[in-house]
Amino acid sequence: MIYVEKSKLEEIYQHAEATYPEECCGIITGPKDQDTWTVHRITNIQNELHRKDPNKYKRDARIAYYMDPQEMMRVFQQAEERKEEIKGFYHSHPEHEAYFSQEDKYMALSGEWGEPMYPDAFHMVVSVYGGKVKNARIFIWDEVAKDFKEEAFQVKD
């Protein structure tokens, strides 16, 4: 069970609604062994990549995301300096359900090993219809199955 502070979940929902009809993306950090989160919005550069090379990046930001690498590195460095861990990653699915797609799995796995770079981090997917969040689901890495599985989460005040 993953515990989510209501205010942090609302931050993520606001981000998903603000970027609609495009996908949002971000990173969640926090102290080890605590349910305290810091939500970091990351710029989705998928449209930029798609414009530059539509053969390689066939999807635009309405159906895909690609986190800005410089922003990601900044978050990773800040977390390390603060002795925090990467708790999770999030992104939205505009006009689609909150499921962990094949593309999501591909993005979460490190290519040649087929395992996540952050195996202890969860992945939250937020479903947004008509600009309003419908729901969210969390997925975690199952070491035995070598796949992601849904994990229950509970909202706390």
N, C-alpha and C. Protein backbone atom coordinates (compact mmCIF):
# COMPACT_ATOMS: atom_id res chain seq x y z
N MET A 1 0.85 -1.19 0.00
CA MET A 1 0.00 0.00 0.00
C MET A 1 0.89 1.24 0.00
N ILE A 2 0.57 2.16 -0.87
CA ILE A 2 1.29 3.43 -0.93
C ILE A 2 0.37 4.51 -0.38
N TYR A 3 0.89 5.33 0.51
CA TYR A 3 0.12 6.41 1.11
C TYR A 3 0.45 7.71 0.41
N VAL A 4 -0.59 8.43 0.00
CA VAL A 4 -0.44 9.65 -0.77
C VAL A 4 -1.11 10.80 -0.02
N GLU A 5 -0.33 11.84 0.26
CA GLU A 5 -0.92 13.02 0.88
C GLU A 5 -1.90 13.65 -0.09
N LYS A 6 -3.07 14.02 0.42
CA LYS A 6 -4.11 14.61 -0.41
C LYS A 6 -3.59 15.83 -1.17
N SER A 7 -2.82 16.68 -0.50
CA SER A 7 -2.33 17.91 -1.14
C SER A 7 -1.38 17.59 -2.29
N LYS A 8 -0.58 16.53 -2.17
CA LYS A 8 0.36 16.15 -3.23
C LYS A 8 -0.38 15.54 -4.41
N LEU A 9 -1.40 14.74 -4.13
CA LEU A 9 -2.21 14.18 -5.19
C LEU A 9 -2.91 15.30 -5.95
N GLU A 10 -3.40 16.29 -5.22
CA GLU A 10 -4.05 17.44 -5.86
C GLU A 10 -3.06 18.21 -6.73
N GLU A 11 -1.79 18.32 -6.31
CA GLU A 11 -0.77 18.97 -7.14
C GLU A 11 -0.62 18.26 -8.48
N ILE A 12 -0.56 16.94 -8.41
CA ILE A 12 -0.41 16.13 -9.62
C ILE A 12 -1.65 16.28 -10.50
N TYR A 13 -2.82 16.23 -9.90
CA TYR A 13 -4.07 16.38 -10.65
C TYR A 13 -4.13 17.76 -11.32
N GLN A 14 -3.72 18.80 -10.60
CA GLN A 14 -3.73 20.15 -11.18
C GLN A 14 -2.79 20.22 -12.38
N HIS A 15 -1.64 19.57 -12.26
CA HIS A 15 -0.69 19.55 -13.38
C HIS A 15 -1.32 18.85 -14.59
N ALA A 16 -1.96 17.71 -14.36
CA ALA A 16 -2.59 16.96 -15.44
C ALA A 16 -3.68 17.77 -16.12
N GLU A 17 -4.47 18.48 -15.34
CA GLU A 17 -5.55 19.30 -15.91
C GLU A 17 -5.00 20.53 -16.63
N ALA A 18 -3.92 21.11 -16.11
CA ALA A 18 -3.33 22.31 -16.71
C ALA A 18 -2.70 22.02 -18.08
N THR A 19 -2.17 20.83 -18.26
CA THR A 19 -1.51 20.50 -19.53
C THR A 19 -2.45 19.87 -20.55
N TYR A 20 -3.64 19.48 -20.11
CA TYR A 20 -4.63 18.88 -21.00
C TYR A 20 -4.84 19.78 -22.21
N PRO A 21 -4.91 19.30 -23.43
CA PRO A 21 -5.09 17.90 -23.84
C PRO A 21 -3.78 17.14 -24.08
N GLU A 22 -2.68 17.68 -23.56
CA GLU A 22 -1.40 16.98 -23.70
C GLU A 22 -1.05 16.26 -22.40
N GLU A 23 -0.14 15.32 -22.49
CA GLU A 23 0.30 14.59 -21.32
C GLU A 23 1.22 15.45 -20.46
N CYS A 24 1.05 15.33 -19.17
CA CYS A 24 1.99 15.95 -18.23
C CYS A 24 2.94 14.86 -17.76
N CYS A 25 4.02 15.27 -17.12
CA CYS A 25 4.95 14.30 -16.55
C CYS A 25 5.71 14.94 -15.40
N GLY A 26 6.17 14.10 -14.49
CA GLY A 26 6.90 14.64 -13.35
C GLY A 26 7.55 13.55 -12.52
N ILE A 27 8.28 14.01 -11.51
CA ILE A 27 9.03 13.13 -10.62
C ILE A 27 8.63 13.45 -9.19
N ILE A 28 8.59 12.43 -8.37
CA ILE A 28 8.26 12.60 -6.95
C ILE A 28 9.47 12.15 -6.14
N THR A 29 9.93 13.04 -5.26
CA THR A 29 11.06 12.73 -4.39
C THR A 29 10.62 12.87 -2.94
N GLY A 30 11.46 12.38 -2.04
CA GLY A 30 11.17 12.54 -0.63
C GLY A 30 12.16 11.79 0.23
N PRO A 31 12.12 12.05 1.54
CA PRO A 31 13.03 11.37 2.46
C PRO A 31 12.79 9.86 2.47
N LYS A 32 13.86 9.13 2.64
CA LYS A 32 13.76 7.66 2.74
C LYS A 32 12.86 7.29 3.92
N ASP A 33 12.13 6.20 3.76
CA ASP A 33 11.30 5.64 4.83
C ASP A 33 10.25 6.61 5.36
N GLN A 34 9.83 7.56 4.55
CA GLN A 34 8.75 8.47 4.93
C GLN A 34 7.79 8.60 3.77
N ASP A 35 6.53 8.88 4.08
CA ASP A 35 5.51 9.06 3.05
C ASP A 35 5.40 10.51 2.61
N THR A 36 6.42 11.31 2.89
CA THR A 36 6.43 12.72 2.52
C THR A 36 6.95 12.87 1.10
N TRP A 37 6.23 13.64 0.29
CA TRP A 37 6.58 13.80 -1.11
C TRP A 37 6.87 15.25 -1.46
N THR A 38 7.73 15.42 -2.46
CA THR A 38 7.86 16.69 -3.17
C THR A 38 7.56 16.36 -4.63
N VAL A 39 6.61 17.10 -5.20
CA VAL A 39 6.21 16.88 -6.58
C VAL A 39 6.98 17.86 -7.46
N HIS A 40 7.66 17.32 -8.46
CA HIS A 40 8.45 18.13 -9.39
C HIS A 40 7.81 18.02 -10.77
N ARG A 41 7.25 19.12 -11.25
CA ARG A 41 6.72 19.13 -12.62
C ARG A 41 7.90 19.17 -13.59
N ILE A 42 7.85 18.31 -14.59
CA ILE A 42 8.89 18.27 -15.61
C ILE A 42 8.24 18.61 -16.95
N THR A 43 8.92 19.40 -17.75
CA THR A 43 8.39 19.77 -19.05
C THR A 43 8.38 18.56 -19.99
N ASN A 44 7.24 18.37 -20.64
CA ASN A 44 7.10 17.32 -21.64
C ASN A 44 7.60 17.90 -22.97
N ILE A 45 8.72 17.39 -23.45
CA ILE A 45 9.31 17.92 -24.70
C ILE A 45 8.95 17.06 -25.91
N GLN A 46 7.94 16.22 -25.78
CA GLN A 46 7.56 15.32 -26.87
C GLN A 46 7.23 16.07 -28.16
N ASN A 47 6.50 17.19 -28.07
CA ASN A 47 6.16 17.94 -29.28
C ASN A 47 7.41 18.45 -29.99
N GLU A 48 8.36 18.93 -29.22
CA GLU A 48 9.62 19.42 -29.79
C GLU A 48 10.36 18.29 -30.52
N LEU A 49 10.43 17.14 -29.88
CA LEU A 49 11.11 15.99 -30.51
C LEU A 49 10.37 15.55 -31.77
N HIS A 50 9.05 15.53 -31.69
CA HIS A 50 8.23 15.12 -32.84
C HIS A 50 8.43 16.08 -34.02
N ARG A 51 8.51 17.37 -33.73
CA ARG A 51 8.73 18.36 -34.81
C ARG A 51 10.09 18.18 -35.46
N LYS A 52 11.11 17.91 -34.65
CA LYS A 52 12.48 17.78 -35.16
C LYS A 52 12.68 16.49 -35.95
N ASP A 53 12.07 15.39 -35.48
CA ASP A 53 12.29 14.11 -36.13
C ASP A 53 11.03 13.24 -36.03
N PRO A 54 10.03 13.53 -36.89
CA PRO A 54 8.77 12.78 -36.80
C PRO A 54 8.89 11.29 -37.15
N ASN A 55 9.96 10.91 -37.81
CA ASN A 55 10.15 9.49 -38.10
C ASN A 55 10.57 8.73 -36.84
N LYS A 56 11.42 9.34 -36.05
CA LYS A 56 11.87 8.70 -34.82
C LYS A 56 10.84 8.87 -33.69
N TYR A 57 10.27 10.07 -33.58
CA TYR A 57 9.29 10.38 -32.55
C TYR A 57 7.93 10.55 -33.22
N LYS A 58 7.27 9.43 -33.45
CA LYS A 58 6.04 9.42 -34.24
C LYS A 58 4.85 10.05 -33.51
N ARG A 59 4.88 10.06 -32.19
CA ARG A 59 3.75 10.56 -31.41
C ARG A 59 3.99 11.99 -30.95
N ASP A 60 2.91 12.73 -30.80
CA ASP A 60 3.03 14.06 -30.22
C ASP A 60 2.62 14.01 -28.75
N ALA A 61 2.60 15.15 -28.08
CA ALA A 61 2.38 15.20 -26.63
C ALA A 61 0.95 14.87 -26.21
N ARG A 62 0.04 14.72 -27.17
CA ARG A 62 -1.31 14.31 -26.81
C ARG A 62 -1.36 12.83 -26.44
N ILE A 63 -0.38 12.06 -26.93
CA ILE A 63 -0.39 10.62 -26.65
C ILE A 63 0.98 10.09 -26.20
N ALA A 64 1.88 10.99 -25.83
CA ALA A 64 3.20 10.54 -25.38
C ALA A 64 3.86 11.65 -24.56
N TYR A 65 4.86 11.24 -23.81
CA TYR A 65 5.65 12.23 -23.08
C TYR A 65 7.12 11.86 -23.15
N TYR A 66 7.94 12.87 -23.03
CA TYR A 66 9.38 12.69 -22.94
C TYR A 66 9.86 13.79 -22.00
N MET A 67 10.34 13.39 -20.83
CA MET A 67 10.76 14.36 -19.83
C MET A 67 12.01 15.11 -20.26
N ASP A 68 12.00 16.42 -20.06
CA ASP A 68 13.17 17.25 -20.37
C ASP A 68 14.36 16.72 -19.58
N PRO A 69 15.41 16.25 -20.26
CA PRO A 69 16.55 15.64 -19.56
C PRO A 69 17.26 16.59 -18.58
N GLN A 70 17.37 17.86 -18.93
CA GLN A 70 18.05 18.81 -18.03
C GLN A 70 17.26 19.00 -16.74
N GLU A 71 15.94 19.10 -16.87
CA GLU A 71 15.10 19.24 -15.68
C GLU A 71 15.17 17.98 -14.82
N MET A 72 15.18 16.83 -15.47
CA MET A 72 15.29 15.57 -14.73
C MET A 72 16.60 15.52 -13.95
N MET A 73 17.70 15.86 -14.60
CA MET A 73 19.01 15.82 -13.94
C MET A 73 19.03 16.77 -12.74
N ARG A 74 18.41 17.93 -12.88
CA ARG A 74 18.35 18.88 -11.78
C ARG A 74 17.61 18.28 -10.58
N VAL A 75 16.50 17.61 -10.84
CA VAL A 75 15.73 16.97 -9.76
C VAL A 75 16.55 15.85 -9.12
N PHE A 76 17.21 15.03 -9.94
CA PHE A 76 18.03 13.94 -9.40
C PHE A 76 19.16 14.49 -8.53
N GLN A 77 19.81 15.57 -8.99
CA GLN A 77 20.91 16.17 -8.22
C GLN A 77 20.40 16.77 -6.91
N GLN A 78 19.26 17.46 -6.96
CA GLN A 78 18.68 18.04 -5.74
C GLN A 78 18.33 16.94 -4.74
N ALA A 79 17.76 15.87 -5.22
CA ALA A 79 17.40 14.76 -4.34
C ALA A 79 18.64 14.17 -3.68
N GLU A 80 19.69 14.01 -4.45
CA GLU A 80 20.93 13.48 -3.90
C GLU A 80 21.52 14.42 -2.85
N GLU A 81 21.52 15.72 -3.15
CA GLU A 81 22.05 16.71 -2.20
C GLU A 81 21.25 16.73 -0.91
N ARG A 82 19.95 16.52 -1.00
CA ARG A 82 19.07 16.53 0.17
C ARG A 82 18.97 15.17 0.84
N LYS A 83 19.70 14.20 0.29
CA LYS A 83 19.65 12.82 0.78
C LYS A 83 18.23 12.25 0.74
N GLU A 84 17.55 12.58 -0.38
CA GLU A 84 16.22 12.06 -0.63
C GLU A 84 16.31 10.96 -1.67
N GLU A 85 15.22 10.27 -1.85
CA GLU A 85 15.16 9.22 -2.86
C GLU A 85 14.13 9.57 -3.93
N ILE A 86 14.23 8.91 -5.05
CA ILE A 86 13.23 9.03 -6.09
C ILE A 86 12.10 8.09 -5.68
N LYS A 87 10.98 8.68 -5.29
CA LYS A 87 9.83 7.88 -4.84
C LYS A 87 9.01 7.37 -6.02
N GLY A 88 8.89 8.22 -7.05
CA GLY A 88 8.06 7.81 -8.17
C GLY A 88 8.09 8.78 -9.33
N PHE A 89 7.38 8.39 -10.35
CA PHE A 89 7.22 9.18 -11.56
C PHE A 89 5.73 9.23 -11.86
N TYR A 90 5.29 10.28 -12.53
CA TYR A 90 3.89 10.34 -12.91
C TYR A 90 3.74 10.93 -14.30
N HIS A 91 2.64 10.59 -14.93
CA HIS A 91 2.26 11.20 -16.20
C HIS A 91 0.76 11.01 -16.39
N SER A 92 0.20 11.74 -17.34
CA SER A 92 -1.24 11.65 -17.56
C SER A 92 -1.55 10.98 -18.88
N HIS A 93 -2.79 10.49 -18.97
CA HIS A 93 -3.34 9.91 -20.19
C HIS A 93 -4.59 10.72 -20.56
N PRO A 94 -4.44 11.75 -21.39
CA PRO A 94 -5.62 12.51 -21.81
C PRO A 94 -6.57 11.66 -22.66
N GLU A 95 -7.83 11.68 -22.29
CA GLU A 95 -8.89 10.95 -23.00
C GLU A 95 -8.65 9.44 -23.04
N HIS A 96 -7.90 8.94 -22.06
CA HIS A 96 -7.68 7.50 -21.93
C HIS A 96 -7.68 7.11 -20.46
N GLU A 97 -7.87 5.85 -20.23
CA GLU A 97 -7.87 5.34 -18.86
C GLU A 97 -6.45 5.36 -18.26
N ALA A 98 -6.39 5.20 -16.97
CA ALA A 98 -5.11 5.15 -16.25
C ALA A 98 -4.62 3.71 -16.25
N TYR A 99 -3.82 3.37 -17.24
CA TYR A 99 -3.24 2.03 -17.33
C TYR A 99 -1.77 2.19 -17.69
N PHE A 100 -0.99 1.15 -17.47
CA PHE A 100 0.44 1.20 -17.76
C PHE A 100 0.64 0.56 -19.13
N SER A 101 0.76 1.41 -20.14
CA SER A 101 0.83 0.95 -21.53
C SER A 101 2.20 0.34 -21.85
N GLN A 102 2.28 -0.28 -23.02
CA GLN A 102 3.57 -0.82 -23.48
C GLN A 102 4.59 0.31 -23.61
N GLU A 103 4.16 1.47 -24.09
CA GLU A 103 5.05 2.62 -24.22
C GLU A 103 5.53 3.08 -22.83
N ASP A 104 4.63 3.07 -21.85
CA ASP A 104 4.99 3.43 -20.48
C ASP A 104 6.05 2.47 -19.93
N LYS A 105 5.85 1.19 -20.17
CA LYS A 105 6.83 0.19 -19.73
C LYS A 105 8.18 0.43 -20.39
N TYR A 106 8.14 0.68 -21.69
CA TYR A 106 9.38 0.94 -22.42
C TYR A 106 10.13 2.13 -21.83
N MET A 107 9.40 3.21 -21.52
CA MET A 107 10.02 4.41 -20.95
C MET A 107 10.59 4.14 -19.55
N ALA A 108 9.97 3.24 -18.81
CA ALA A 108 10.39 2.96 -17.43
C ALA A 108 11.57 2.00 -17.35
N LEU A 109 11.80 1.25 -18.41
CA LEU A 109 12.86 0.24 -18.38
C LEU A 109 14.14 0.76 -19.01
N SER A 110 15.26 0.31 -18.46
CA SER A 110 16.54 0.66 -19.07
C SER A 110 16.81 -0.37 -20.16
N GLY A 111 16.89 0.11 -21.37
CA GLY A 111 16.99 -0.69 -22.58
C GLY A 111 17.62 -2.05 -22.51
N GLU A 112 18.93 -2.11 -22.32
CA GLU A 112 19.60 -3.39 -22.50
C GLU A 112 19.35 -4.41 -21.38
N TRP A 113 18.97 -3.95 -20.19
CA TRP A 113 18.75 -4.91 -19.10
C TRP A 113 17.28 -5.29 -18.95
N GLY A 114 16.39 -4.48 -19.48
CA GLY A 114 14.97 -4.80 -19.38
C GLY A 114 14.41 -4.67 -17.98
N GLU A 115 15.09 -3.92 -17.13
CA GLU A 115 14.62 -3.67 -15.78
C GLU A 115 14.64 -2.17 -15.53
N PRO A 116 13.84 -1.71 -14.57
CA PRO A 116 13.79 -0.26 -14.32
C PRO A 116 15.10 0.27 -13.75
N MET A 117 15.42 1.52 -14.11
CA MET A 117 16.59 2.17 -13.51
C MET A 117 16.31 2.47 -12.03
N TYR A 118 15.05 2.66 -11.70
CA TYR A 118 14.63 2.93 -10.32
C TYR A 118 13.60 1.87 -9.93
N PRO A 119 14.06 0.66 -9.61
CA PRO A 119 13.12 -0.43 -9.36
C PRO A 119 12.21 -0.23 -8.15
N ASP A 120 12.61 0.63 -7.21
CA ASP A 120 11.78 0.86 -6.03
C ASP A 120 10.81 2.02 -6.21
N ALA A 121 10.91 2.71 -7.31
CA ALA A 121 10.03 3.85 -7.57
C ALA A 121 8.72 3.37 -8.21
N PHE A 122 7.63 4.02 -7.84
CA PHE A 122 6.34 3.69 -8.44
C PHE A 122 6.09 4.58 -9.65
N HIS A 123 5.08 4.22 -10.42
CA HIS A 123 4.67 5.00 -11.59
C HIS A 123 3.17 5.26 -11.46
N MET A 124 2.81 6.54 -11.38
CA MET A 124 1.40 6.92 -11.30
C MET A 124 0.93 7.40 -12.66
N VAL A 125 -0.20 6.87 -13.08
CA VAL A 125 -0.82 7.28 -14.34
C VAL A 125 -2.17 7.91 -14.00
N VAL A 126 -2.39 9.12 -14.53
CA VAL A 126 -3.59 9.89 -14.23
C VAL A 126 -4.46 9.95 -15.48
N SER A 127 -5.70 9.55 -15.35
CA SER A 127 -6.65 9.59 -16.46
C SER A 127 -7.37 10.94 -16.45
N VAL A 128 -7.38 11.62 -17.62
CA VAL A 128 -8.02 12.93 -17.73
C VAL A 128 -8.97 12.91 -18.93
N TYR A 129 -10.23 13.21 -18.68
CA TYR A 129 -11.24 13.30 -19.73
C TYR A 129 -11.84 14.70 -19.72
N GLY A 130 -11.90 15.34 -20.88
CA GLY A 130 -12.51 16.65 -20.97
C GLY A 130 -11.87 17.69 -20.08
N GLY A 131 -10.59 17.51 -19.78
CA GLY A 131 -9.87 18.46 -18.95
C GLY A 131 -10.00 18.26 -17.46
N LYS A 132 -10.70 17.20 -17.04
CA LYS A 132 -10.89 16.91 -15.62
C LYS A 132 -10.37 15.50 -15.30
N VAL A 133 -9.67 15.39 -14.19
CA VAL A 133 -9.13 14.10 -13.78
C VAL A 133 -10.27 13.15 -13.45
N LYS A 134 -10.17 11.94 -13.99
CA LYS A 134 -11.14 10.89 -13.70
C LYS A 134 -10.65 10.03 -12.54
N ASN A 135 -9.40 9.59 -12.63
CA ASN A 135 -8.81 8.77 -11.56
C ASN A 135 -7.31 8.62 -11.79
N ALA A 136 -6.68 7.89 -10.90
CA ALA A 136 -5.25 7.60 -11.02
C ALA A 136 -5.01 6.18 -10.54
N ARG A 137 -3.97 5.59 -11.07
CA ARG A 137 -3.55 4.25 -10.64
C ARG A 137 -2.03 4.26 -10.51
N ILE A 138 -1.55 3.42 -9.61
CA ILE A 138 -0.12 3.31 -9.36
C ILE A 138 0.35 1.91 -9.74
N PHE A 139 1.54 1.88 -10.35
CA PHE A 139 2.14 0.62 -10.77
C PHE A 139 3.55 0.53 -10.20
N ILE A 140 3.91 -0.68 -9.75
CA ILE A 140 5.24 -0.92 -9.19
C ILE A 140 5.88 -2.10 -9.91
N TRP A 141 7.20 -2.16 -9.82
CA TRP A 141 7.96 -3.23 -10.45
C TRP A 141 7.85 -4.49 -9.60
N ASP A 142 7.50 -5.59 -10.25
CA ASP A 142 7.45 -6.89 -9.60
C ASP A 142 8.69 -7.65 -10.05
N GLU A 143 9.63 -7.79 -9.15
CA GLU A 143 10.91 -8.43 -9.46
C GLU A 143 10.74 -9.88 -9.91
N VAL A 144 9.80 -10.59 -9.32
CA VAL A 144 9.59 -12.00 -9.66
C VAL A 144 8.99 -12.13 -11.07
N ALA A 145 7.95 -11.37 -11.35
CA ALA A 145 7.28 -11.44 -12.64
C ALA A 145 8.04 -10.68 -13.74
N LYS A 146 9.00 -9.83 -13.32
CA LYS A 146 9.74 -8.98 -14.28
C LYS A 146 8.77 -8.13 -15.10
N ASP A 147 7.80 -7.55 -14.39
CA ASP A 147 6.79 -6.71 -15.04
C ASP A 147 6.22 -5.75 -13.99
N PHE A 148 5.45 -4.80 -14.46
CA PHE A 148 4.80 -3.86 -13.55
C PHE A 148 3.43 -4.40 -13.18
N LYS A 149 3.06 -4.18 -11.93
CA LYS A 149 1.73 -4.58 -11.47
C LYS A 149 1.10 -3.41 -10.73
N GLU A 150 -0.22 -3.41 -10.69
CA GLU A 150 -0.92 -2.33 -10.00
C GLU A 150 -0.74 -2.47 -8.49
N GLU A 151 -0.58 -1.35 -7.83
CA GLU A 151 -0.45 -1.31 -6.38
C GLU A 151 -1.53 -0.38 -5.83
N ALA A 152 -2.17 -0.79 -4.78
CA ALA A 152 -3.18 0.05 -4.15
C ALA A 152 -2.55 1.28 -3.51
N PHE A 153 -3.29 2.38 -3.50
CA PHE A 153 -2.82 3.54 -2.76
C PHE A 153 -3.97 4.13 -1.98
N GLN A 154 -3.61 4.78 -0.89
CA GLN A 154 -4.61 5.38 -0.01
C GLN A 154 -4.26 6.85 0.19
N VAL A 155 -5.26 7.69 0.08
CA VAL A 155 -5.08 9.12 0.25
C VAL A 155 -5.22 9.45 1.73
N LYS A 156 -4.27 10.25 2.22
CA LYS A 156 -4.32 10.68 3.61
C LYS A 156 -4.25 12.21 3.67
N ASP A 157 -4.82 12.77 4.73
CA ASP A 157 -4.81 14.23 4.89
C ASP A 157 -3.44 14.77 5.24
